[in-house]
N, C-alpha and C. Protein backbone atom coordinates (compact mmCIF):
# COMPACT_ATOMS: atom_id res chain seq x y z
N UNK A 1 45.55 -138.24 116.50
CA UNK A 1 44.57 -139.02 115.76
C UNK A 1 43.73 -138.06 114.92
N UNK A 2 43.50 -138.47 113.66
CA UNK A 2 42.65 -137.66 112.79
C UNK A 2 41.51 -138.52 112.26
N UNK A 3 40.37 -137.88 112.07
CA UNK A 3 39.18 -138.57 111.58
C UNK A 3 39.14 -138.46 110.05
N UNK A 4 39.02 -139.62 109.39
CA UNK A 4 38.96 -139.67 107.93
C UNK A 4 37.71 -140.42 107.49
N UNK A 5 37.38 -140.27 106.21
CA UNK A 5 36.16 -140.87 105.66
C UNK A 5 36.51 -141.79 104.49
N UNK A 6 36.04 -143.04 104.58
CA UNK A 6 36.20 -143.96 103.46
C UNK A 6 35.27 -143.52 102.33
N UNK A 7 35.48 -144.03 101.14
CA UNK A 7 34.64 -143.65 100.00
C UNK A 7 33.20 -144.09 100.17
N UNK A 8 32.95 -145.11 101.01
CA UNK A 8 31.58 -145.56 101.25
C UNK A 8 30.87 -144.72 102.30
N UNK A 9 31.56 -143.70 102.83
CA UNK A 9 30.95 -142.80 103.80
C UNK A 9 31.23 -143.13 105.25
N UNK A 10 31.77 -144.30 105.53
CA UNK A 10 32.08 -144.65 106.92
C UNK A 10 33.34 -143.89 107.36
N UNK A 11 33.38 -143.58 108.64
CA UNK A 11 34.52 -142.83 109.16
C UNK A 11 35.39 -143.72 110.05
N UNK A 12 36.64 -143.33 110.18
CA UNK A 12 37.58 -144.02 111.06
C UNK A 12 38.60 -143.01 111.54
N UNK A 13 39.32 -143.38 112.58
CA UNK A 13 40.34 -142.50 113.15
C UNK A 13 41.70 -143.13 112.91
N UNK A 14 42.63 -142.33 112.44
CA UNK A 14 43.97 -142.80 112.11
C UNK A 14 45.00 -142.06 112.95
N UNK A 15 45.93 -142.80 113.50
CA UNK A 15 47.06 -142.19 114.20
C UNK A 15 47.92 -141.52 113.14
N UNK A 16 47.97 -140.20 113.14
CA UNK A 16 48.69 -139.50 112.06
C UNK A 16 50.19 -139.73 112.10
N UNK A 17 50.71 -140.25 113.21
CA UNK A 17 52.13 -140.60 113.27
C UNK A 17 52.45 -141.80 112.37
N UNK A 18 51.42 -142.53 111.95
CA UNK A 18 51.61 -143.70 111.09
C UNK A 18 51.54 -143.37 109.60
N UNK A 19 51.28 -142.12 109.26
CA UNK A 19 51.18 -141.74 107.84
C UNK A 19 52.58 -141.63 107.25
N UNK A 20 52.80 -142.42 106.20
CA UNK A 20 54.08 -142.34 105.49
C UNK A 20 53.96 -141.40 104.29
N UNK A 21 52.85 -141.53 103.54
CA UNK A 21 52.64 -140.65 102.39
C UNK A 21 51.16 -140.54 102.07
N UNK A 22 50.82 -139.48 101.32
CA UNK A 22 49.46 -139.26 100.85
C UNK A 22 49.57 -138.86 99.39
N UNK A 23 48.78 -139.52 98.54
CA UNK A 23 48.82 -139.20 97.11
C UNK A 23 47.42 -139.17 96.53
N UNK A 24 47.30 -138.47 95.41
CA UNK A 24 46.02 -138.37 94.72
C UNK A 24 46.14 -139.12 93.40
N UNK A 25 45.26 -140.13 93.18
CA UNK A 25 45.45 -141.03 92.04
C UNK A 25 44.22 -141.31 91.18
N UNK A 26 43.16 -140.68 90.96
CA UNK A 26 42.72 -139.39 91.49
C UNK A 26 42.13 -139.49 92.89
N UNK A 27 41.75 -140.70 93.35
CA UNK A 27 41.30 -140.82 94.74
C UNK A 27 42.49 -140.58 95.66
N UNK A 28 42.22 -140.11 96.85
CA UNK A 28 43.29 -139.88 97.81
C UNK A 28 43.64 -141.19 98.50
N UNK A 29 44.92 -141.54 98.45
CA UNK A 29 45.41 -142.78 99.05
C UNK A 29 46.42 -142.43 100.14
N UNK A 30 46.13 -142.88 101.36
CA UNK A 30 47.04 -142.70 102.49
C UNK A 30 47.79 -144.01 102.66
N UNK A 31 49.12 -143.94 102.63
CA UNK A 31 49.94 -145.12 102.88
C UNK A 31 50.53 -145.00 104.27
N UNK A 32 50.38 -146.06 105.06
CA UNK A 32 50.89 -146.04 106.44
C UNK A 32 52.30 -146.62 106.48
N UNK A 33 52.94 -146.46 107.61
CA UNK A 33 54.32 -146.93 107.76
C UNK A 33 54.44 -148.44 107.67
N UNK A 34 53.33 -149.16 107.87
CA UNK A 34 53.37 -150.62 107.73
C UNK A 34 52.94 -151.07 106.33
N UNK A 35 52.78 -150.11 105.40
CA UNK A 35 52.47 -150.44 104.02
C UNK A 35 50.99 -150.52 103.68
N UNK A 36 50.12 -150.35 104.65
CA UNK A 36 48.69 -150.41 104.40
C UNK A 36 48.26 -149.17 103.61
N UNK A 37 47.41 -149.39 102.60
CA UNK A 37 46.92 -148.28 101.79
C UNK A 37 45.44 -148.07 102.10
N UNK A 38 45.09 -146.82 102.40
CA UNK A 38 43.72 -146.46 102.76
C UNK A 38 43.21 -145.43 101.76
N UNK A 39 42.11 -145.73 101.08
CA UNK A 39 41.51 -144.79 100.13
C UNK A 39 40.47 -143.98 100.89
N UNK A 40 40.61 -142.66 100.84
CA UNK A 40 39.74 -141.79 101.62
C UNK A 40 39.11 -140.70 100.75
N UNK A 41 38.04 -140.10 101.28
CA UNK A 41 37.31 -139.06 100.55
C UNK A 41 37.99 -137.69 100.66
N UNK A 42 38.76 -137.47 101.72
CA UNK A 42 39.40 -136.17 101.91
C UNK A 42 40.49 -135.93 100.86
N UNK A 43 40.74 -134.65 100.57
CA UNK A 43 41.83 -134.29 99.67
C UNK A 43 43.15 -134.30 100.44
N UNK A 44 44.24 -134.25 99.71
CA UNK A 44 45.55 -134.16 100.35
C UNK A 44 45.61 -132.94 101.26
N UNK A 45 45.12 -131.81 100.76
CA UNK A 45 45.15 -130.57 101.54
C UNK A 45 44.35 -130.70 102.84
N UNK A 46 43.20 -131.35 102.77
CA UNK A 46 42.38 -131.54 103.98
C UNK A 46 43.10 -132.42 105.00
N UNK A 47 43.77 -133.45 104.52
CA UNK A 47 44.52 -134.34 105.43
C UNK A 47 45.67 -133.58 106.07
N UNK A 48 46.40 -132.82 105.28
CA UNK A 48 47.51 -132.03 105.83
C UNK A 48 46.97 -131.06 106.89
N UNK A 49 45.86 -130.39 106.59
CA UNK A 49 45.26 -129.46 107.56
C UNK A 49 44.88 -130.18 108.86
N UNK A 50 44.31 -131.37 108.74
CA UNK A 50 43.91 -132.14 109.93
C UNK A 50 45.14 -132.51 110.77
N UNK A 51 46.21 -132.92 110.11
CA UNK A 51 47.44 -133.30 110.83
C UNK A 51 48.04 -132.07 111.52
N UNK A 52 48.11 -130.96 110.81
CA UNK A 52 48.67 -129.73 111.39
C UNK A 52 47.83 -129.28 112.58
N UNK A 53 46.51 -129.33 112.43
CA UNK A 53 45.61 -128.94 113.51
C UNK A 53 45.80 -129.86 114.73
N UNK A 54 45.88 -131.15 114.49
CA UNK A 54 46.07 -132.12 115.58
C UNK A 54 47.40 -131.87 116.30
N UNK A 55 48.48 -131.74 115.53
CA UNK A 55 49.79 -131.55 116.14
C UNK A 55 49.87 -130.22 116.87
N UNK A 56 49.20 -129.19 116.33
CA UNK A 56 49.15 -127.90 117.02
C UNK A 56 48.45 -128.02 118.36
N UNK A 57 47.38 -128.81 118.39
CA UNK A 57 46.64 -129.03 119.63
C UNK A 57 47.53 -129.72 120.67
N UNK A 58 48.29 -130.70 120.21
CA UNK A 58 49.20 -131.44 121.11
C UNK A 58 50.26 -130.49 121.68
N UNK A 59 50.86 -129.68 120.81
CA UNK A 59 51.89 -128.74 121.27
C UNK A 59 51.32 -127.72 122.24
N UNK A 60 50.11 -127.24 121.97
CA UNK A 60 49.47 -126.25 122.83
C UNK A 60 49.21 -126.83 124.21
N UNK A 61 48.66 -128.03 124.26
CA UNK A 61 48.38 -128.69 125.54
C UNK A 61 49.68 -128.96 126.29
N UNK A 62 50.70 -129.43 125.59
CA UNK A 62 51.99 -129.72 126.22
C UNK A 62 52.60 -128.45 126.80
N UNK A 63 52.51 -127.37 126.05
CA UNK A 63 53.07 -126.09 126.49
C UNK A 63 52.35 -125.61 127.75
N UNK A 64 51.02 -125.70 127.75
CA UNK A 64 50.24 -125.29 128.91
C UNK A 64 50.58 -126.14 130.14
N UNK A 65 50.80 -127.42 129.94
CA UNK A 65 51.16 -128.28 131.07
C UNK A 65 52.50 -127.87 131.66
N UNK A 66 53.44 -127.46 130.81
CA UNK A 66 54.74 -127.01 131.30
C UNK A 66 54.61 -125.70 132.06
N UNK A 67 53.78 -124.80 131.55
CA UNK A 67 53.62 -123.49 132.18
C UNK A 67 52.92 -123.60 133.53
N UNK A 68 51.88 -124.44 133.59
CA UNK A 68 51.07 -124.51 134.80
C UNK A 68 51.48 -125.63 135.76
N UNK A 69 52.55 -126.33 135.44
CA UNK A 69 53.00 -127.42 136.33
C UNK A 69 53.84 -126.89 137.46
């Protein structure tokens, strides 16, 4: 899950596994696998960084669970 910001300043959390594409039009638009389009304040690069950071955290925790189980 990644935290994103709508253009009105409100925040929400999105399951990053549901992201199909991200484009800049010039606003950043996240399209989900069910076709929903979300306009957000973050740049494409910021969204990619958030997804990479989240997935890295998941892999790290999973790896530690395997090592210490």
